[in-house]
Amino acid sequence: MGDLKLVDRPQNYTLAPESSKQIRANIKVSSTETGVIFGNIVYETSNVMERSVVVLNDIHIDIMDYISPATCADVTFRNMWAEFEWENKVAVNTVIQDEKEFLNHVIKSTNMKCLTPP
């Protein structure tokens, strides 16, 4: 429910009484605000009358923990960038005057890598 999409449907399991099973499922998140995921995960047990809900608003994520520098071909990067038009323009206010210093600041702040030589 919410702005979530199940990437791969998890396998069904039959459990013995008093047993438990930990499973993982990948979800695609469409909207977040300041690291909060909006939506709920709803699942059913064998008792069809009972539905369980996990509220994801209580889970806070720092996306910077999941970003790491990588390499990418220039053509591939430009194609991906074009697909995400909404990310093309970012307003930046800074007191940094030197271009190389600004580039290094952006690289460090976003935990990314410059794909072309400065």
PDB file of N, CA and C in Angstrom:
ATOM      1  N   MET A   1       0.853  -1.181   0.000  1.00  0.00           N
ATOM      2  CA  MET A   1       0.000   0.000   0.000  1.00  0.00           C
ATOM      3  C   MET A   1       0.888   1.229   0.000  1.00  0.00           C
ATOM      4  N   GLY A   2       0.434   2.303  -0.607  1.00  0.00           N
ATOM      5  CA  GLY A   2       1.226   3.523  -0.663  1.00  0.00           C
ATOM      6  C   GLY A   2       2.053   3.558  -1.931  1.00  0.00           C
ATOM      7  N   ASP A   3       3.156   4.303  -1.888  1.00  0.00           N
ATOM      8  CA  ASP A   3       4.024   4.445  -3.051  1.00  0.00           C
ATOM      9  C   ASP A   3       5.101   3.378  -3.069  1.00  0.00           C
ATOM     10  N   LEU A   4       4.697   2.124  -2.919  1.00  0.00           N
ATOM     11  CA  LEU A   4       5.631   1.003  -2.892  1.00  0.00           C
ATOM     12  C   LEU A   4       5.262   0.014  -3.983  1.00  0.00           C
ATOM     13  N   LYS A   5       6.278  -0.663  -4.507  1.00  0.00           N
ATOM     14  CA  LYS A   5       6.026  -1.712  -5.488  1.00  0.00           C
ATOM     15  C   LYS A   5       6.902  -2.895  -5.115  1.00  0.00           C
ATOM     16  N   LEU A   6       6.308  -4.059  -5.040  1.00  0.00           N
ATOM     17  CA  LEU A   6       7.035  -5.283  -4.725  1.00  0.00           C
ATOM     18  C   LEU A   6       7.838  -5.681  -5.955  1.00  0.00           C
ATOM     19  N   VAL A   7       9.162  -5.765  -5.822  1.00  0.00           N
ATOM     20  CA  VAL A   7      10.018  -6.103  -6.954  1.00  0.00           C
ATOM     21  C   VAL A   7       9.901  -7.580  -7.288  1.00  0.00           C
ATOM     22  N   ASP A   8      10.113  -8.433  -6.331  1.00  0.00           N
ATOM     23  CA  ASP A   8       9.975  -9.885  -6.511  1.00  0.00           C
ATOM     24  C   ASP A   8       9.049 -10.417  -5.437  1.00  0.00           C
ATOM     25  N   ARG A   9       8.057 -11.172  -5.847  1.00  0.00           N
ATOM     26  CA  ARG A   9       7.121 -11.732  -4.871  1.00  0.00           C
ATOM     27  C   ARG A   9       7.832 -12.821  -4.072  1.00  0.00           C
ATOM     28  N   PRO A  10       7.815 -12.718  -2.744  1.00  0.00           N
ATOM     29  CA  PRO A  10       8.486 -13.747  -1.934  1.00  0.00           C
ATOM     30  C   PRO A  10       7.768 -15.093  -2.032  1.00  0.00           C
ATOM     31  N   GLN A  11       8.514 -16.149  -1.792  1.00  0.00           N
ATOM     32  CA  GLN A  11       7.974 -17.505  -1.804  1.00  0.00           C
ATOM     33  C   GLN A  11       7.021 -17.686  -0.621  1.00  0.00           C
ATOM     34  N   ASN A  12       6.005 -18.536  -0.794  1.00  0.00           N
ATOM     35  CA  ASN A  12       5.106 -18.879   0.309  1.00  0.00           C
ATOM     36  C   ASN A  12       5.758 -19.948   1.177  1.00  0.00           C
ATOM     37  N   TYR A  13       5.530 -19.858   2.463  1.00  0.00           N
ATOM     38  CA  TYR A  13       6.082 -20.842   3.399  1.00  0.00           C
ATOM     39  C   TYR A  13       4.975 -21.381   4.280  1.00  0.00           C
ATOM     40  N   THR A  14       5.079 -22.668   4.644  1.00  0.00           N
ATOM     41  CA  THR A  14       4.193 -23.273   5.627  1.00  0.00           C
ATOM     42  C   THR A  14       5.048 -23.544   6.854  1.00  0.00           C
ATOM     43  N   LEU A  15       4.626 -23.018   7.986  1.00  0.00           N
ATOM     44  CA  LEU A  15       5.414 -23.138   9.211  1.00  0.00           C
ATOM     45  C   LEU A  15       4.721 -24.042  10.215  1.00  0.00           C
ATOM     46  N   ALA A  16       5.533 -24.735  10.978  1.00  0.00           N
ATOM     47  CA  ALA A  16       5.010 -25.569  12.053  1.00  0.00           C
ATOM     48  C   ALA A  16       4.577 -24.661  13.199  1.00  0.00           C
ATOM     49  N   PRO A  17       3.724 -25.129  14.093  1.00  0.00           N
ATOM     50  CA  PRO A  17       3.311 -24.312  15.242  1.00  0.00           C
ATOM     51  C   PRO A  17       4.523 -23.846  16.053  1.00  0.00           C
ATOM     52  N   GLU A  18       4.461 -22.616  16.522  1.00  0.00           N
ATOM     53  CA  GLU A  18       5.510 -22.004  17.341  1.00  0.00           C
ATOM     54  C   GLU A  18       6.836 -21.801  16.596  1.00  0.00           C
ATOM     55  N   SER A  19       6.840 -21.920  15.286  1.00  0.00           N
ATOM     56  CA  SER A  19       8.068 -21.695  14.527  1.00  0.00           C
ATOM     57  C   SER A  19       8.010 -20.324  13.861  1.00  0.00           C
ATOM     58  N   SER A  20       9.127 -19.904  13.336  1.00  0.00           N
ATOM     59  CA  SER A  20       9.167 -18.604  12.653  1.00  0.00           C
ATOM     60  C   SER A  20      10.085 -18.709  11.451  1.00  0.00           C
ATOM     61  N   LYS A  21       9.969 -17.764  10.563  1.00  0.00           N
ATOM     62  CA  LYS A  21      10.789 -17.746   9.352  1.00  0.00           C
ATOM     63  C   LYS A  21      11.050 -16.286   9.005  1.00  0.00           C
ATOM     64  N   GLN A  22      12.297 -15.976   8.761  1.00  0.00           N
ATOM     65  CA  GLN A  22      12.642 -14.618   8.354  1.00  0.00           C
ATOM     66  C   GLN A  22      12.810 -14.618   6.841  1.00  0.00           C
ATOM     67  N   ILE A  23      12.110 -13.713   6.160  1.00  0.00           N
ATOM     68  CA  ILE A  23      12.222 -13.607   4.707  1.00  0.00           C
ATOM     69  C   ILE A  23      12.579 -12.171   4.348  1.00  0.00           C
ATOM     70  N   ARG A  24      13.100 -12.004   3.156  1.00  0.00           N
ATOM     71  CA  ARG A  24      13.429 -10.669   2.651  1.00  0.00           C
ATOM     72  C   ARG A  24      12.656 -10.456   1.361  1.00  0.00           C
ATOM     73  N   ALA A  25      12.214  -9.228   1.181  1.00  0.00           N
ATOM     74  CA  ALA A  25      11.539  -8.860  -0.057  1.00  0.00           C
ATOM     75  C   ALA A  25      12.029  -7.482  -0.465  1.00  0.00           C
ATOM     76  N   ASN A  26      12.344  -7.321  -1.734  1.00  0.00           N
ATOM     77  CA  ASN A  26      12.762  -6.020  -2.243  1.00  0.00           C
ATOM     78  C   ASN A  26      11.545  -5.220  -2.661  1.00  0.00           C
ATOM     79  N   ILE A  27      11.517  -3.966  -2.236  1.00  0.00           N
ATOM     80  CA  ILE A  27      10.436  -3.078  -2.636  1.00  0.00           C
ATOM     81  C   ILE A  27      11.036  -1.860  -3.316  1.00  0.00           C
ATOM     82  N   LYS A  28      10.314  -1.325  -4.272  1.00  0.00           N
ATOM     83  CA  LYS A  28      10.724  -0.094  -4.941  1.00  0.00           C
ATOM     84  C   LYS A  28       9.913   1.031  -4.317  1.00  0.00           C
ATOM     85  N   VAL A  29      10.604   2.053  -3.841  1.00  0.00           N
ATOM     86  CA  VAL A  29       9.956   3.169  -3.162  1.00  0.00           C
ATOM     87  C   VAL A  29       9.842   4.327  -4.132  1.00  0.00           C
ATOM     88  N   SER A  30       8.621   4.849  -4.317  1.00  0.00           N
ATOM     89  CA  SER A  30       8.403   5.939  -5.268  1.00  0.00           C
ATOM     90  C   SER A  30       8.544   7.319  -4.641  1.00  0.00           C
ATOM     91  N   SER A  31       8.187   7.463  -3.388  1.00  0.00           N
ATOM     92  CA  SER A  31       8.270   8.796  -2.803  1.00  0.00           C
ATOM     93  C   SER A  31       8.736   8.720  -1.360  1.00  0.00           C
ATOM     94  N   THR A  32       9.657   9.613  -1.050  1.00  0.00           N
ATOM     95  CA  THR A  32      10.125   9.752   0.317  1.00  0.00           C
ATOM     96  C   THR A  32      10.266  11.237   0.604  1.00  0.00           C
ATOM     97  N   GLU A  33      10.309  11.575   1.838  1.00  0.00           N
ATOM     98  CA  GLU A  33      10.564  12.957   2.230  1.00  0.00           C
ATOM     99  C   GLU A  33      11.484  12.900   3.429  1.00  0.00           C
ATOM    100  N   THR A  34      12.646  13.493   3.293  1.00  0.00           N
ATOM    101  CA  THR A  34      13.670  13.504   4.337  1.00  0.00           C
ATOM    102  C   THR A  34      13.915  12.108   4.906  1.00  0.00           C
ATOM    103  N   GLY A  35      14.024  11.130   4.017  1.00  0.00           N
ATOM    104  CA  GLY A  35      14.383   9.788   4.433  1.00  0.00           C
ATOM    105  C   GLY A  35      13.273   8.965   5.050  1.00  0.00           C
ATOM    106  N   VAL A  36      12.025   9.424   4.990  1.00  0.00           N
ATOM    107  CA  VAL A  36      10.904   8.666   5.543  1.00  0.00           C
ATOM    108  C   VAL A  36      10.159   8.007   4.386  1.00  0.00           C
ATOM    109  N   ILE A  37       9.936   6.709   4.494  1.00  0.00           N
ATOM    110  CA  ILE A  37       9.204   5.980   3.457  1.00  0.00           C
ATOM    111  C   ILE A  37       7.718   6.018   3.801  1.00  0.00           C
ATOM    112  N   PHE A  38       6.909   6.418   2.827  1.00  0.00           N
ATOM    113  CA  PHE A  38       5.474   6.482   3.044  1.00  0.00           C
ATOM    114  C   PHE A  38       4.819   5.229   2.490  1.00  0.00           C
ATOM    115  N   GLY A  39       4.137   4.512   3.332  1.00  0.00           N
ATOM    116  CA  GLY A  39       3.434   3.317   2.887  1.00  0.00           C
ATOM    117  C   GLY A  39       3.381   2.272   3.974  1.00  0.00           C
ATOM    118  N   ASN A  40       2.667   1.222   3.698  1.00  0.00           N
ATOM    119  CA  ASN A  40       2.499   0.117   4.635  1.00  0.00           C
ATOM    120  C   ASN A  40       2.731  -1.193   3.901  1.00  0.00           C
ATOM    121  N   ILE A  41       3.254  -2.162   4.618  1.00  0.00           N
ATOM    122  CA  ILE A  41       3.329  -3.519   4.089  1.00  0.00           C
ATOM    123  C   ILE A  41       2.241  -4.313   4.805  1.00  0.00           C
ATOM    124  N   VAL A  42       1.340  -4.877   4.016  1.00  0.00           N
ATOM    125  CA  VAL A  42       0.222  -5.636   4.567  1.00  0.00           C
ATOM    126  C   VAL A  42       0.405  -7.094   4.154  1.00  0.00           C
ATOM    127  N   TYR A  43       0.304  -7.998   5.120  1.00  0.00           N
ATOM    128  CA  TYR A  43       0.421  -9.419   4.799  1.00  0.00           C
ATOM    129  C   TYR A  43      -0.609 -10.199   5.586  1.00  0.00           C
ATOM    130  N   GLU A  44      -0.905 -11.387   5.061  1.00  0.00           N
ATOM    131  CA  GLU A  44      -1.910 -12.241   5.682  1.00  0.00           C
ATOM    132  C   GLU A  44      -1.254 -13.523   6.168  1.00  0.00           C
ATOM    133  N   THR A  45      -1.793 -14.048   7.216  1.00  0.00           N
ATOM    134  CA  THR A  45      -1.354 -15.348   7.729  1.00  0.00           C
ATOM    135  C   THR A  45      -2.381 -16.379   7.303  1.00  0.00           C
ATOM    136  N   SER A  46      -2.229 -17.604   7.768  1.00  0.00           N
ATOM    137  CA  SER A  46      -3.182 -18.656   7.379  1.00  0.00           C
ATOM    138  C   SER A  46      -4.597 -18.321   7.840  1.00  0.00           C
ATOM    139  N   ASN A  47      -4.704 -17.552   8.925  1.00  0.00           N
ATOM    140  CA  ASN A  47      -6.005 -17.101   9.389  1.00  0.00           C
ATOM    141  C   ASN A  47      -6.409 -15.918   8.507  1.00  0.00           C
ATOM    142  N   VAL A  48      -7.223 -16.162   7.493  1.00  0.00           N
ATOM    143  CA  VAL A  48      -7.581 -15.156   6.498  1.00  0.00           C
ATOM    144  C   VAL A  48      -8.239 -13.927   7.125  1.00  0.00           C
ATOM    145  N   MET A  49      -8.850 -14.098   8.262  1.00  0.00           N
ATOM    146  CA  MET A  49      -9.529 -12.976   8.917  1.00  0.00           C
ATOM    147  C   MET A  49      -8.523 -11.993   9.532  1.00  0.00           C
ATOM    148  N   GLU A  50      -7.281 -12.394   9.656  1.00  0.00           N
ATOM    149  CA  GLU A  50      -6.287 -11.561  10.327  1.00  0.00           C
ATOM    150  C   GLU A  50      -5.261 -11.039   9.326  1.00  0.00           C
ATOM    151  N   ARG A  51      -5.151  -9.714   9.231  1.00  0.00           N
ATOM    152  CA  ARG A  51      -4.153  -9.092   8.371  1.00  0.00           C
ATOM    153  C   ARG A  51      -3.179  -8.329   9.263  1.00  0.00           C
ATOM    154  N   SER A  52      -1.916  -8.431   8.970  1.00  0.00           N
ATOM    155  CA  SER A  52      -0.897  -7.728   9.746  1.00  0.00           C
ATOM    156  C   SER A  52      -0.358  -6.569   8.913  1.00  0.00           C
ATOM    157  N   VAL A  53       0.014  -5.490   9.582  1.00  0.00           N
ATOM    158  CA  VAL A  53       0.477  -4.288   8.898  1.00  0.00           C
ATOM    159  C   VAL A  53       1.798  -3.827   9.500  1.00  0.00           C
ATOM    160  N   VAL A  54       2.758  -3.514   8.628  1.00  0.00           N
ATOM    161  CA  VAL A  54       4.008  -2.890   9.046  1.00  0.00           C
ATOM    162  C   VAL A  54       3.970  -1.469   8.508  1.00  0.00           C
ATOM    163  N   VAL A  55       3.979  -0.475   9.384  1.00  0.00           N
ATOM    164  CA  VAL A  55       3.936   0.930   8.987  1.00  0.00           C
ATOM    165  C   VAL A  55       5.364   1.389   8.726  1.00  0.00           C
ATOM    166  N   LEU A  56       5.642   1.788   7.492  1.00  0.00           N
ATOM    167  CA  LEU A  56       7.010   2.144   7.118  1.00  0.00           C
ATOM    168  C   LEU A  56       7.383   3.577   7.497  1.00  0.00           C
ATOM    169  N   ASN A  57       6.412   4.408   7.853  1.00  0.00           N
ATOM    170  CA  ASN A  57       6.724   5.784   8.254  1.00  0.00           C
ATOM    171  C   ASN A  57       7.648   5.793   9.465  1.00  0.00           C
ATOM    172  N   ASP A  58       7.633   4.715  10.239  1.00  0.00           N
ATOM    173  CA  ASP A  58       8.467   4.644  11.432  1.00  0.00           C
ATOM    174  C   ASP A  58       9.918   4.294  11.114  1.00  0.00           C
ATOM    175  N   ILE A  59      10.181   3.902   9.863  1.00  0.00           N
ATOM    176  CA  ILE A  59      11.538   3.550   9.467  1.00  0.00           C
ATOM    177  C   ILE A  59      12.176   4.758   8.808  1.00  0.00           C
ATOM    178  N   HIS A  60      13.303   5.210   9.342  1.00  0.00           N
ATOM    179  CA  HIS A  60      14.017   6.363   8.789  1.00  0.00           C
ATOM    180  C   HIS A  60      15.333   5.883   8.183  1.00  0.00           C
ATOM    181  N   ILE A  61      15.596   6.328   6.958  1.00  0.00           N
ATOM    182  CA  ILE A  61      16.766   5.878   6.216  1.00  0.00           C
ATOM    183  C   ILE A  61      17.586   7.077   5.764  1.00  0.00           C
ATOM    184  N   ASP A  62      18.900   6.992   5.943  1.00  0.00           N
ATOM    185  CA  ASP A  62      19.802   7.991   5.386  1.00  0.00           C
ATOM    186  C   ASP A  62      20.318   7.418   4.076  1.00  0.00           C
ATOM    187  N   ILE A  63      19.835   7.957   2.954  1.00  0.00           N
ATOM    188  CA  ILE A  63      20.159   7.417   1.639  1.00  0.00           C
ATOM    189  C   ILE A  63      21.655   7.468   1.360  1.00  0.00           C
ATOM    190  N   MET A  64      22.373   8.377   2.014  1.00  0.00           N
ATOM    191  CA  MET A  64      23.811   8.487   1.783  1.00  0.00           C
ATOM    192  C   MET A  64      24.551   7.216   2.219  1.00  0.00           C
ATOM    193  N   ASP A  65      23.951   6.435   3.095  1.00  0.00           N
ATOM    194  CA  ASP A  65      24.569   5.173   3.519  1.00  0.00           C
ATOM    195  C   ASP A  65      24.593   4.140   2.388  1.00  0.00           C
ATOM    196  N   TYR A  66      23.766   4.364   1.361  1.00  0.00           N
ATOM    197  CA  TYR A  66      23.636   3.393   0.284  1.00  0.00           C
ATOM    198  C   TYR A  66      24.209   3.880  -1.041  1.00  0.00           C
ATOM    199  N   ILE A  67      24.836   5.054  -1.049  1.00  0.00           N
ATOM    200  CA  ILE A  67      25.444   5.593  -2.261  1.00  0.00           C
ATOM    201  C   ILE A  67      26.948   5.426  -2.157  1.00  0.00           C
ATOM    202  N   SER A  68      27.546   4.884  -3.206  1.00  0.00           N
ATOM    203  CA  SER A  68      28.998   4.748  -3.224  1.00  0.00           C
ATOM    204  C   SER A  68      29.512   5.125  -4.613  1.00  0.00           C
ATOM    205  N   PRO A  69      30.729   5.681  -4.682  1.00  0.00           N
ATOM    206  CA  PRO A  69      31.293   6.078  -5.981  1.00  0.00           C
ATOM    207  C   PRO A  69      31.439   4.872  -6.908  1.00  0.00           C
ATOM    208  N   ALA A  70      31.218   5.108  -8.190  1.00  0.00           N
ATOM    209  CA  ALA A  70      31.361   4.040  -9.181  1.00  0.00           C
ATOM    210  C   ALA A  70      31.777   4.660 -10.508  1.00  0.00           C
ATOM    211  N   THR A  71      32.065   3.829 -11.478  1.00  0.00           N
ATOM    212  CA  THR A  71      32.404   4.317 -12.808  1.00  0.00           C
ATOM    213  C   THR A  71      31.277   3.973 -13.766  1.00  0.00           C
ATOM    214  N   CYS A  72      31.195   4.771 -14.827  1.00  0.00           N
ATOM    215  CA  CYS A  72      30.127   4.594 -15.804  1.00  0.00           C
ATOM    216  C   CYS A  72      30.595   5.234 -17.102  1.00  0.00           C
ATOM    217  N   ALA A  73      30.325   4.605 -18.232  1.00  0.00           N
ATOM    218  CA  ALA A  73      30.687   5.180 -19.521  1.00  0.00           C
ATOM    219  C   ALA A  73      29.910   6.480 -19.736  1.00  0.00           C
ATOM    220  N   ASP A  74      30.547   7.437 -20.384  1.00  0.00           N
ATOM    221  CA  ASP A  74      29.933   8.749 -20.594  1.00  0.00           C
ATOM    222  C   ASP A  74      28.596   8.642 -21.322  1.00  0.00           C
ATOM    223  N   VAL A  75      28.536   7.837 -22.366  1.00  0.00           N
ATOM    224  CA  VAL A  75      27.297   7.681 -23.141  1.00  0.00           C
ATOM    225  C   VAL A  75      26.198   7.063 -22.271  1.00  0.00           C
ATOM    226  N   THR A  76      26.545   6.061 -21.494  1.00  0.00           N
ATOM    227  CA  THR A  76      25.575   5.411 -20.608  1.00  0.00           C
ATOM    228  C   THR A  76      25.040   6.408 -19.589  1.00  0.00           C
ATOM    229  N   PHE A  77      25.942   7.190 -18.997  1.00  0.00           N
ATOM    230  CA  PHE A  77      25.521   8.179 -18.010  1.00  0.00           C
ATOM    231  C   PHE A  77      24.569   9.198 -18.624  1.00  0.00           C
ATOM    232  N   ARG A  78      24.915   9.709 -19.804  1.00  0.00           N
ATOM    233  CA  ARG A  78      24.057  10.717 -20.454  1.00  0.00           C
ATOM    234  C   ARG A  78      22.677  10.145 -20.785  1.00  0.00           C
ATOM    235  N   ASN A  79      22.617   8.890 -21.193  1.00  0.00           N
ATOM    236  CA  ASN A  79      21.309   8.260 -21.461  1.00  0.00           C
ATOM    237  C   ASN A  79      20.487   8.142 -20.178  1.00  0.00           C
ATOM    238  N   MET A  80      21.139   7.713 -19.090  1.00  0.00           N
ATOM    239  CA  MET A  80      20.413   7.605 -17.820  1.00  0.00           C
ATOM    240  C   MET A  80      19.966   8.977 -17.330  1.00  0.00           C
ATOM    241  N   TRP A  81      20.836   9.970 -17.479  1.00  0.00           N
ATOM    242  CA  TRP A  81      20.514  11.336 -17.030  1.00  0.00           C
ATOM    243  C   TRP A  81      19.302  11.865 -17.783  1.00  0.00           C
ATOM    244  N   ALA A  82      19.228  11.592 -19.085  1.00  0.00           N
ATOM    245  CA  ALA A  82      18.100  12.057 -19.895  1.00  0.00           C
ATOM    246  C   ALA A  82      16.790  11.415 -19.450  1.00  0.00           C
ATOM    247  N   GLU A  83      16.849  10.167 -18.972  1.00  0.00           N
ATOM    248  CA  GLU A  83      15.648   9.482 -18.507  1.00  0.00           C
ATOM    249  C   GLU A  83      15.072  10.136 -17.258  1.00  0.00           C
ATOM    250  N   PHE A  84      15.933  10.750 -16.453  1.00  0.00           N
ATOM    251  CA  PHE A  84      15.503  11.367 -15.205  1.00  0.00           C
ATOM    252  C   PHE A  84      15.480  12.878 -15.345  1.00  0.00           C
ATOM    253  N   GLU A  85      14.641  13.389 -16.265  1.00  0.00           N
ATOM    254  CA  GLU A  85      14.565  14.825 -16.545  1.00  0.00           C
ATOM    255  C   GLU A  85      14.348  15.652 -15.290  1.00  0.00           C
ATOM    256  N   TRP A  86      13.547  15.144 -14.372  1.00  0.00           N
ATOM    257  CA  TRP A  86      13.217  15.902 -13.163  1.00  0.00           C
ATOM    258  C   TRP A  86      14.440  16.171 -12.308  1.00  0.00           C
ATOM    259  N   GLU A  87      15.546  15.452 -12.546  1.00  0.00           N
ATOM    260  CA  GLU A  87      16.754  15.666 -11.753  1.00  0.00           C
ATOM    261  C   GLU A  87      17.756  16.575 -12.456  1.00  0.00           C
ATOM    262  N   ASN A  88      17.447  17.063 -13.650  1.00  0.00           N
ATOM    263  CA  ASN A  88      18.423  17.822 -14.412  1.00  0.00           C
ATOM    264  C   ASN A  88      18.760  19.182 -13.815  1.00  0.00           C
ATOM    265  N   LYS A  89      17.854  19.815 -13.134  1.00  0.00           N
ATOM    266  CA  LYS A  89      18.087  21.166 -12.643  1.00  0.00           C
ATOM    267  C   LYS A  89      18.024  21.193 -11.123  1.00  0.00           C
ATOM    268  N   VAL A  90      19.109  21.663 -10.540  1.00  0.00           N
ATOM    269  CA  VAL A  90      19.191  21.759  -9.092  1.00  0.00           C
ATOM    270  C   VAL A  90      19.710  23.146  -8.748  1.00  0.00           C
ATOM    271  N   ALA A  91      18.948  23.896  -7.983  1.00  0.00           N
ATOM    272  CA  ALA A  91      19.388  25.229  -7.559  1.00  0.00           C
ATOM    273  C   ALA A  91      20.391  25.074  -6.422  1.00  0.00           C
ATOM    274  N   VAL A  92      21.516  25.773  -6.538  1.00  0.00           N
ATOM    275  CA  VAL A  92      22.572  25.681  -5.531  1.00  0.00           C
ATOM    276  C   VAL A  92      22.954  27.091  -5.099  1.00  0.00           C
ATOM    277  N   ASN A  93      22.963  27.313  -3.805  1.00  0.00           N
ATOM    278  CA  ASN A  93      23.447  28.570  -3.239  1.00  0.00           C
ATOM    279  C   ASN A  93      24.716  28.257  -2.461  1.00  0.00           C
ATOM    280  N   THR A  94      25.796  28.935  -2.808  1.00  0.00           N
ATOM    281  CA  THR A  94      27.061  28.676  -2.140  1.00  0.00           C
ATOM    282  C   THR A  94      27.924  29.936  -2.116  1.00  0.00           C
ATOM    283  N   VAL A  95      28.851  29.949  -1.194  1.00  0.00           N
ATOM    284  CA  VAL A  95      29.811  31.051  -1.131  1.00  0.00           C
ATOM    285  C   VAL A  95      31.135  30.631  -1.786  1.00  0.00           C
ATOM    286  N   ILE A  96      31.223  29.402  -2.235  1.00  0.00           N
ATOM    287  CA  ILE A  96      32.443  28.905  -2.876  1.00  0.00           C
ATOM    288  C   ILE A  96      32.583  29.567  -4.241  1.00  0.00           C
ATOM    289  N   GLN A  97      33.727  30.184  -4.484  1.00  0.00           N
ATOM    290  CA  GLN A  97      33.967  30.890  -5.743  1.00  0.00           C
ATOM    291  C   GLN A  97      34.772  30.056  -6.743  1.00  0.00           C
ATOM    292  N   ASP A  98      35.669  29.211  -6.266  1.00  0.00           N
ATOM    293  CA  ASP A  98      36.540  28.425  -7.124  1.00  0.00           C
ATOM    294  C   ASP A  98      35.794  27.202  -7.661  1.00  0.00           C
ATOM    295  N   GLU A  99      35.837  27.003  -8.983  1.00  0.00           N
ATOM    296  CA  GLU A  99      35.088  25.906  -9.607  1.00  0.00           C
ATOM    297  C   GLU A  99      35.586  24.536  -9.148  1.00  0.00           C
ATOM    298  N   LYS A 100      36.900  24.341  -9.087  1.00  0.00           N
ATOM    299  CA  LYS A 100      37.441  23.048  -8.655  1.00  0.00           C
ATOM    300  C   LYS A 100      37.085  22.771  -7.204  1.00  0.00           C
ATOM    301  N   GLU A 101      37.132  23.798  -6.378  1.00  0.00           N
ATOM    302  CA  GLU A 101      36.757  23.635  -4.972  1.00  0.00           C
ATOM    303  C   GLU A 101      35.278  23.277  -4.857  1.00  0.00           C
ATOM    304  N   PHE A 102      34.443  23.928  -5.680  1.00  0.00           N
ATOM    305  CA  PHE A 102      33.003  23.628  -5.672  1.00  0.00           C
ATOM    306  C   PHE A 102      32.752  22.186  -6.128  1.00  0.00           C
ATOM    307  N   LEU A 103      33.438  21.759  -7.219  1.00  0.00           N
ATOM    308  CA  LEU A 103      33.286  20.393  -7.709  1.00  0.00           C
ATOM    309  C   LEU A 103      33.681  19.391  -6.633  1.00  0.00           C
ATOM    310  N   ASN A 104      34.802  19.619  -5.988  1.00  0.00           N
ATOM    311  CA  ASN A 104      35.249  18.721  -4.920  1.00  0.00           C
ATOM    312  C   ASN A 104      34.259  18.705  -3.758  1.00  0.00           C
ATOM    313  N   HIS A 105      33.665  19.864  -3.460  1.00  0.00           N
ATOM    314  CA  HIS A 105      32.659  19.942  -2.391  1.00  0.00           C
ATOM    315  C   HIS A 105      31.426  19.100  -2.754  1.00  0.00           C
ATOM    316  N   VAL A 106      30.964  19.216  -3.996  1.00  0.00           N
ATOM    317  CA  VAL A 106      29.791  18.447  -4.448  1.00  0.00           C
ATOM    318  C   VAL A 106      30.100  16.954  -4.420  1.00  0.00           C
ATOM    319  N   ILE A 107      31.276  16.573  -4.909  1.00  0.00           N
ATOM    320  CA  ILE A 107      31.669  15.155  -4.926  1.00  0.00           C
ATOM    321  C   ILE A 107      31.693  14.597  -3.506  1.00  0.00           C
ATOM    322  N   LYS A 108      32.284  15.345  -2.595  1.00  0.00           N
ATOM    323  CA  LYS A 108      32.379  14.878  -1.206  1.00  0.00           C
ATOM    324  C   LYS A 108      31.003  14.847  -0.534  1.00  0.00           C
ATOM    325  N   SER A 109      30.181  15.872  -0.764  1.00  0.00           N
ATOM    326  CA  SER A 109      28.869  15.970  -0.109  1.00  0.00           C
ATOM    327  C   SER A 109      27.911  14.903  -0.568  1.00  0.00           C
ATOM    328  N   THR A 110      27.989  14.534  -1.846  1.00  0.00           N
ATOM    329  CA  THR A 110      27.058  13.548  -2.396  1.00  0.00           C
ATOM    330  C   THR A 110      27.610  12.127  -2.393  1.00  0.00           C
ATOM    331  N   ASN A 111      28.867  11.977  -1.934  1.00  0.00           N
ATOM    332  CA  ASN A 111      29.508  10.664  -1.880  1.00  0.00           C
ATOM    333  C   ASN A 111      29.545  10.030  -3.265  1.00  0.00           C
ATOM    334  N   MET A 112      29.818  10.873  -4.282  1.00  0.00           N
ATOM    335  CA  MET A 112      29.840  10.398  -5.670  1.00  0.00           C
ATOM    336  C   MET A 112      31.214  10.598  -6.263  1.00  0.00           C
ATOM    337  N   LYS A 113      31.292  10.460  -7.580  1.00  0.00           N
ATOM    338  CA  LYS A 113      32.556  10.514  -8.290  1.00  0.00           C
ATOM    339  C   LYS A 113      32.360  11.322  -9.564  1.00  0.00           C
ATOM    340  N   CYS A 114      33.369  12.101  -9.939  1.00  0.00           N
ATOM    341  CA  CYS A 114      33.309  12.843 -11.205  1.00  0.00           C
ATOM    342  C   CYS A 114      33.711  11.885 -12.323  1.00  0.00           C
ATOM    343  N   LEU A 115      32.866  11.747 -13.337  1.00  0.00           N
ATOM    344  CA  LEU A 115      33.113  10.766 -14.393  1.00  0.00           C
ATOM    345  C   LEU A 115      34.069  11.277 -15.468  1.00  0.00           C
ATOM    346  N   THR A 116      34.266  12.579 -15.540  1.00  0.00           N
ATOM    347  CA  THR A 116      35.181  13.142 -16.532  1.00  0.00           C
ATOM    348  C   THR A 116      36.302  13.878 -15.819  1.00  0.00           C
ATOM    349  N   PRO A 117      37.434  14.061 -16.480  1.00  0.00           N
ATOM    350  CA  PRO A 117      38.509  14.819 -15.830  1.00  0.00           C
ATOM    351  C   PRO A 117      38.067  16.259 -15.578  1.00  0.00           C
ATOM    352  N   PRO A 118      38.480  16.835 -14.456  1.00  0.00           N
ATOM    353  CA  PRO A 118      38.066  18.218 -14.164  1.00  0.00           C
ATOM    354  C   PRO A 118      38.559  19.184 -15.218  1.00  0.00           C
TER     355      PRO A 118
END
